[in-house]
Amino acid sequence: MVKVTVEESTCVGCGLCVNSCPEIFEMDENGIAKVKNGDCSNCDVHEVASQCPVNCIIVEE
């Protein structure tokens, strides 16, 4: 199982992660991405992290 975190101070709130994998990510009341679930069988979290424009998604094995 991987550990997924978001560097909140770096996140610009583009929503790409939420659109790519809403099972793992959600936006908070300030428009910043948060991890709500660290595991998803329907998406590749490494791919989602690589698409983040500010590289604020961290995936640890």
PDB file of N, CA and C in Angstrom:
ATOM      1  N   MET A   1       0.848  -1.185   0.000  1.00  0.00           N
ATOM      2  CA  MET A   1       0.000   0.000   0.000  1.00  0.00           C
ATOM      3  C   MET A   1       0.891   1.245   0.000  1.00  0.00           C
ATOM      4  N   VAL A   2       0.464   2.256  -0.725  1.00  0.00           N
ATOM      5  CA  VAL A   2       1.233   3.487  -0.801  1.00  0.00           C
ATOM      6  C   VAL A   2       0.665   4.527   0.154  1.00  0.00           C
ATOM      7  N   LYS A   3       1.509   5.485   0.504  1.00  0.00           N
ATOM      8  CA  LYS A   3       1.075   6.613   1.323  1.00  0.00           C
ATOM      9  C   LYS A   3       1.051   7.839   0.418  1.00  0.00           C
ATOM     10  N   VAL A   4      -0.087   8.502   0.375  1.00  0.00           N
ATOM     11  CA  VAL A   4      -0.258   9.670  -0.478  1.00  0.00           C
ATOM     12  C   VAL A   4      -0.457  10.893   0.405  1.00  0.00           C
ATOM     13  N   THR A   5       0.284  11.957   0.121  1.00  0.00           N
ATOM     14  CA  THR A   5       0.121  13.217   0.830  1.00  0.00           C
ATOM     15  C   THR A   5       0.126  14.353  -0.178  1.00  0.00           C
ATOM     16  N   VAL A   6      -0.424  15.480   0.245  1.00  0.00           N
ATOM     17  CA  VAL A   6      -0.427  16.690  -0.573  1.00  0.00           C
ATOM     18  C   VAL A   6       0.266  17.787   0.215  1.00  0.00           C
ATOM     19  N   GLU A   7       1.246  18.426  -0.402  1.00  0.00           N
ATOM     20  CA  GLU A   7       1.887  19.585   0.218  1.00  0.00           C
ATOM     21  C   GLU A   7       0.929  20.766   0.041  1.00  0.00           C
ATOM     22  N   GLU A   8       0.164  21.036   1.076  1.00  0.00           N
ATOM     23  CA  GLU A   8      -0.890  22.043   0.994  1.00  0.00           C
ATOM     24  C   GLU A   8      -0.367  23.438   0.688  1.00  0.00           C
ATOM     25  N   SER A   9       0.830  23.759   1.152  1.00  0.00           N
ATOM     26  CA  SER A   9       1.380  25.091   0.912  1.00  0.00           C
ATOM     27  C   SER A   9       1.771  25.297  -0.551  1.00  0.00           C
ATOM     28  N   THR A  10       1.930  24.203  -1.297  1.00  0.00           N
ATOM     29  CA  THR A  10       2.310  24.282  -2.707  1.00  0.00           C
ATOM     30  C   THR A  10       1.109  24.178  -3.638  1.00  0.00           C
ATOM     31  N   CYS A  11       0.058  23.516  -3.195  1.00  0.00           N
ATOM     32  CA  CYS A  11      -1.128  23.277  -4.022  1.00  0.00           C
ATOM     33  C   CYS A  11      -1.748  24.589  -4.491  1.00  0.00           C
ATOM     34  N   VAL A  12      -2.076  24.644  -5.801  1.00  0.00           N
ATOM     35  CA  VAL A  12      -2.714  25.839  -6.368  1.00  0.00           C
ATOM     36  C   VAL A  12      -4.207  25.635  -6.600  1.00  0.00           C
ATOM     37  N   GLY A  13      -4.707  24.465  -6.257  1.00  0.00           N
ATOM     38  CA  GLY A  13      -6.140  24.210  -6.342  1.00  0.00           C
ATOM     39  C   GLY A  13      -6.675  24.031  -7.746  1.00  0.00           C
ATOM     40  N   CYS A  14      -5.869  23.500  -8.648  1.00  0.00           N
ATOM     41  CA  CYS A  14      -6.326  23.327 -10.033  1.00  0.00           C
ATOM     42  C   CYS A  14      -7.407  22.255 -10.158  1.00  0.00           C
ATOM     43  N   GLY A  15      -7.426  21.290  -9.232  1.00  0.00           N
ATOM     44  CA  GLY A  15      -8.452  20.256  -9.231  1.00  0.00           C
ATOM     45  C   GLY A  15      -8.170  19.061 -10.123  1.00  0.00           C
ATOM     46  N   LEU A  16      -7.024  19.027 -10.769  1.00  0.00           N
ATOM     47  CA  LEU A  16      -6.702  17.923 -11.656  1.00  0.00           C
ATOM     48  C   LEU A  16      -6.716  16.592 -10.919  1.00  0.00           C
ATOM     49  N   CYS A  17      -6.178  16.561  -9.718  1.00  0.00           N
ATOM     50  CA  CYS A  17      -6.133  15.313  -8.949  1.00  0.00           C
ATOM     51  C   CYS A  17      -7.534  14.831  -8.597  1.00  0.00           C
ATOM     52  N   VAL A  18      -8.399  15.747  -8.220  1.00  0.00           N
ATOM     53  CA  VAL A  18      -9.777  15.382  -7.870  1.00  0.00           C
ATOM     54  C   VAL A  18     -10.511  14.857  -9.094  1.00  0.00           C
ATOM     55  N   ASN A  19     -10.298  15.510 -10.234  1.00  0.00           N
ATOM     56  CA  ASN A  19     -10.931  15.043 -11.471  1.00  0.00           C
ATOM     57  C   ASN A  19     -10.387  13.694 -11.909  1.00  0.00           C
ATOM     58  N   SER A  20      -9.103  13.451 -11.677  1.00  0.00           N
ATOM     59  CA  SER A  20      -8.477  12.197 -12.085  1.00  0.00           C
ATOM     60  C   SER A  20      -8.819  11.049 -11.150  1.00  0.00           C
ATOM     61  N   CYS A  21      -8.910  11.335  -9.853  1.00  0.00           N
ATOM     62  CA  CYS A  21      -9.161  10.273  -8.879  1.00  0.00           C
ATOM     63  C   CYS A  21      -9.925  10.803  -7.662  1.00  0.00           C
ATOM     64  N   PRO A  22     -11.229  10.971  -7.804  1.00  0.00           N
ATOM     65  CA  PRO A  22     -12.029  11.479  -6.682  1.00  0.00           C
ATOM     66  C   PRO A  22     -12.130  10.513  -5.506  1.00  0.00           C
ATOM     67  N   GLU A  23     -11.710   9.258  -5.700  1.00  0.00           N
ATOM     68  CA  GLU A  23     -11.710   8.309  -4.588  1.00  0.00           C
ATOM     69  C   GLU A  23     -10.614   8.641  -3.579  1.00  0.00           C
ATOM     70  N   ILE A  24      -9.534   9.270  -4.034  1.00  0.00           N
ATOM     71  CA  ILE A  24      -8.417   9.597  -3.150  1.00  0.00           C
ATOM     72  C   ILE A  24      -8.433  11.067  -2.735  1.00  0.00           C
ATOM     73  N   PHE A  25      -8.702  11.950  -3.681  1.00  0.00           N
ATOM     74  CA  PHE A  25      -8.559  13.381  -3.427  1.00  0.00           C
ATOM     75  C   PHE A  25      -9.893  14.108  -3.332  1.00  0.00           C
ATOM     76  N   GLU A  26      -9.893  15.191  -2.571  1.00  0.00           N
ATOM     77  CA  GLU A  26     -11.033  16.101  -2.491  1.00  0.00           C
ATOM     78  C   GLU A  26     -10.484  17.501  -2.272  1.00  0.00           C
ATOM     79  N   MET A  27     -11.298  18.495  -2.559  1.00  0.00           N
ATOM     80  CA  MET A  27     -10.906  19.876  -2.328  1.00  0.00           C
ATOM     81  C   MET A  27     -11.484  20.318  -0.988  1.00  0.00           C
ATOM     82  N   ASP A  28     -10.690  21.059  -0.211  1.00  0.00           N
ATOM     83  CA  ASP A  28     -11.200  21.564   1.065  1.00  0.00           C
ATOM     84  C   ASP A  28     -11.937  22.880   0.832  1.00  0.00           C
ATOM     85  N   GLU A  29     -12.408  23.469   1.898  1.00  0.00           N
ATOM     86  CA  GLU A  29     -13.200  24.701   1.796  1.00  0.00           C
ATOM     87  C   GLU A  29     -12.404  25.883   1.249  1.00  0.00           C
ATOM     88  N   ASN A  30     -11.076  25.772   1.257  1.00  0.00           N
ATOM     89  CA  ASN A  30     -10.220  26.833   0.716  1.00  0.00           C
ATOM     90  C   ASN A  30      -9.751  26.543  -0.705  1.00  0.00           C
ATOM     91  N   GLY A  31     -10.246  25.459  -1.293  1.00  0.00           N
ATOM     92  CA  GLY A  31      -9.870  25.110  -2.658  1.00  0.00           C
ATOM     93  C   GLY A  31      -8.522  24.434  -2.774  1.00  0.00           C
ATOM     94  N   ILE A  32      -8.068  23.817  -1.701  1.00  0.00           N
ATOM     95  CA  ILE A  32      -6.791  23.111  -1.678  1.00  0.00           C
ATOM     96  C   ILE A  32      -7.065  21.608  -1.632  1.00  0.00           C
ATOM     97  N   ALA A  33      -6.288  20.853  -2.391  1.00  0.00           N
ATOM     98  CA  ALA A  33      -6.476  19.402  -2.438  1.00  0.00           C
ATOM     99  C   ALA A  33      -6.092  18.759  -1.114  1.00  0.00           C
ATOM    100  N   LYS A  34      -6.870  17.751  -0.743  1.00  0.00           N
ATOM    101  CA  LYS A  34      -6.633  16.958   0.466  1.00  0.00           C
ATOM    102  C   LYS A  34      -6.757  15.484   0.091  1.00  0.00           C
ATOM    103  N   VAL A  35      -6.077  14.631   0.852  1.00  0.00           N
ATOM    104  CA  VAL A  35      -6.206  13.191   0.677  1.00  0.00           C
ATOM    105  C   VAL A  35      -7.315  12.724   1.609  1.00  0.00           C
ATOM    106  N   LYS A  36      -8.333  12.093   1.030  1.00  0.00           N
ATOM    107  CA  LYS A  36      -9.414  11.572   1.869  1.00  0.00           C
ATOM    108  C   LYS A  36      -9.321  10.064   2.028  1.00  0.00           C
ATOM    109  N   ASN A  37      -8.585   9.406   1.110  1.00  0.00           N
ATOM    110  CA  ASN A  37      -8.423   7.956   1.143  1.00  0.00           C
ATOM    111  C   ASN A  37      -7.112   7.657   0.446  1.00  0.00           C
ATOM    112  N   GLY A  38      -6.244   6.903   1.062  1.00  0.00           N
ATOM    113  CA  GLY A  38      -4.926   6.654   0.500  1.00  0.00           C
ATOM    114  C   GLY A  38      -4.835   5.545  -0.514  1.00  0.00           C
ATOM    115  N   ASP A  39      -5.961   4.930  -0.869  1.00  0.00           N
ATOM    116  CA  ASP A  39      -5.906   3.792  -1.776  1.00  0.00           C
ATOM    117  C   ASP A  39      -7.053   3.846  -2.760  1.00  0.00           C
ATOM    118  N   CYS A  40      -6.750   3.462  -3.992  1.00  0.00           N
ATOM    119  CA  CYS A  40      -7.781   3.451  -5.025  1.00  0.00           C
ATOM    120  C   CYS A  40      -7.462   2.335  -6.008  1.00  0.00           C
ATOM    121  N   SER A  41      -8.423   1.511  -6.304  1.00  0.00           N
ATOM    122  CA  SER A  41      -8.203   0.433  -7.265  1.00  0.00           C
ATOM    123  C   SER A  41      -8.524   0.866  -8.687  1.00  0.00           C
ATOM    124  N   ASN A  42      -9.087   2.067  -8.853  1.00  0.00           N
ATOM    125  CA  ASN A  42      -9.514   2.521 -10.170  1.00  0.00           C
ATOM    126  C   ASN A  42      -8.569   3.500 -10.840  1.00  0.00           C
ATOM    127  N   CYS A  43      -7.509   3.930 -10.166  1.00  0.00           N
ATOM    128  CA  CYS A  43      -6.599   4.890 -10.783  1.00  0.00           C
ATOM    129  C   CYS A  43      -5.157   4.569 -10.412  1.00  0.00           C
ATOM    130  N   ASP A  44      -4.244   5.146 -11.169  1.00  0.00           N
ATOM    131  CA  ASP A  44      -2.816   5.005 -10.893  1.00  0.00           C
ATOM    132  C   ASP A  44      -2.369   6.297 -10.211  1.00  0.00           C
ATOM    133  N   VAL A  45      -2.208   6.247  -8.903  1.00  0.00           N
ATOM    134  CA  VAL A  45      -1.889   7.450  -8.141  1.00  0.00           C
ATOM    135  C   VAL A  45      -0.539   8.034  -8.551  1.00  0.00           C
ATOM    136  N   HIS A  46       0.372   7.193  -9.021  1.00  0.00           N
ATOM    137  CA  HIS A  46       1.660   7.701  -9.514  1.00  0.00           C
ATOM    138  C   HIS A  46       1.443   8.572 -10.755  1.00  0.00           C
ATOM    139  N   GLU A  47       0.552   8.134 -11.626  1.00  0.00           N
ATOM    140  CA  GLU A  47       0.231   8.905 -12.835  1.00  0.00           C
ATOM    141  C   GLU A  47      -0.440  10.221 -12.469  1.00  0.00           C
ATOM    142  N   VAL A  48      -1.364  10.179 -11.531  1.00  0.00           N
ATOM    143  CA  VAL A  48      -2.032  11.408 -11.077  1.00  0.00           C
ATOM    144  C   VAL A  48      -1.001  12.377 -10.512  1.00  0.00           C
ATOM    145  N   ALA A  49      -0.100  11.881  -9.682  1.00  0.00           N
ATOM    146  CA  ALA A  49       0.939  12.729  -9.086  1.00  0.00           C
ATOM    147  C   ALA A  49       1.838  13.337 -10.155  1.00  0.00           C
ATOM    148  N   SER A  50       2.155  12.574 -11.188  1.00  0.00           N
ATOM    149  CA  SER A  50       3.036  13.090 -12.237  1.00  0.00           C
ATOM    150  C   SER A  50       2.376  14.180 -13.062  1.00  0.00           C
ATOM    151  N   GLN A  51       1.043  14.235 -13.061  1.00  0.00           N
ATOM    152  CA  GLN A  51       0.317  15.253 -13.815  1.00  0.00           C
ATOM    153  C   GLN A  51       0.112  16.549 -13.040  1.00  0.00           C
ATOM    154  N   CYS A  52       0.384  16.547 -11.753  1.00  0.00           N
ATOM    155  CA  CYS A  52       0.193  17.745 -10.933  1.00  0.00           C
ATOM    156  C   CYS A  52       1.114  18.862 -11.441  1.00  0.00           C
ATOM    157  N   PRO A  53       0.558  20.020 -11.786  1.00  0.00           N
ATOM    158  CA  PRO A  53       1.388  21.087 -12.362  1.00  0.00           C
ATOM    159  C   PRO A  53       2.400  21.695 -11.399  1.00  0.00           C
ATOM    160  N   VAL A  54       2.197  21.533 -10.096  1.00  0.00           N
ATOM    161  CA  VAL A  54       3.145  22.090  -9.120  1.00  0.00           C
ATOM    162  C   VAL A  54       3.830  21.008  -8.289  1.00  0.00           C
ATOM    163  N   ASN A  55       3.643  19.748  -8.701  1.00  0.00           N
ATOM    164  CA  ASN A  55       4.295  18.603  -8.056  1.00  0.00           C
ATOM    165  C   ASN A  55       4.101  18.576  -6.534  1.00  0.00           C
ATOM    166  N   CYS A  56       2.883  18.802  -6.095  1.00  0.00           N
ATOM    167  CA  CYS A  56       2.630  18.809  -4.651  1.00  0.00           C
ATOM    168  C   CYS A  56       2.070  17.491  -4.111  1.00  0.00           C
ATOM    169  N   ILE A  57       1.868  16.503  -4.995  1.00  0.00           N
ATOM    170  CA  ILE A  57       1.383  15.193  -4.563  1.00  0.00           C
ATOM    171  C   ILE A  57       2.585  14.281  -4.361  1.00  0.00           C
ATOM    172  N   ILE A  58       2.688  13.738  -3.171  1.00  0.00           N
ATOM    173  CA  ILE A  58       3.802  12.858  -2.829  1.00  0.00           C
ATOM    174  C   ILE A  58       3.270  11.446  -2.624  1.00  0.00           C
ATOM    175  N   VAL A  59       3.884  10.501  -3.318  1.00  0.00           N
ATOM    176  CA  VAL A  59       3.499   9.092  -3.208  1.00  0.00           C
ATOM    177  C   VAL A  59       4.702   8.333  -2.682  1.00  0.00           C
ATOM    178  N   GLU A  60       4.521   7.697  -1.529  1.00  0.00           N
ATOM    179  CA  GLU A  60       5.594   6.915  -0.907  1.00  0.00           C
ATOM    180  C   GLU A  60       5.186   5.456  -0.866  1.00  0.00           C
ATOM    181  N   GLU A  61       6.113   4.607  -1.200  1.00  0.00           N
ATOM    182  CA  GLU A  61       5.857   3.156  -1.163  1.00  0.00           C
ATOM    183  C   GLU A  61       5.952   2.652   0.253  1.00  0.00           C
TER     184      GLU A  61
END
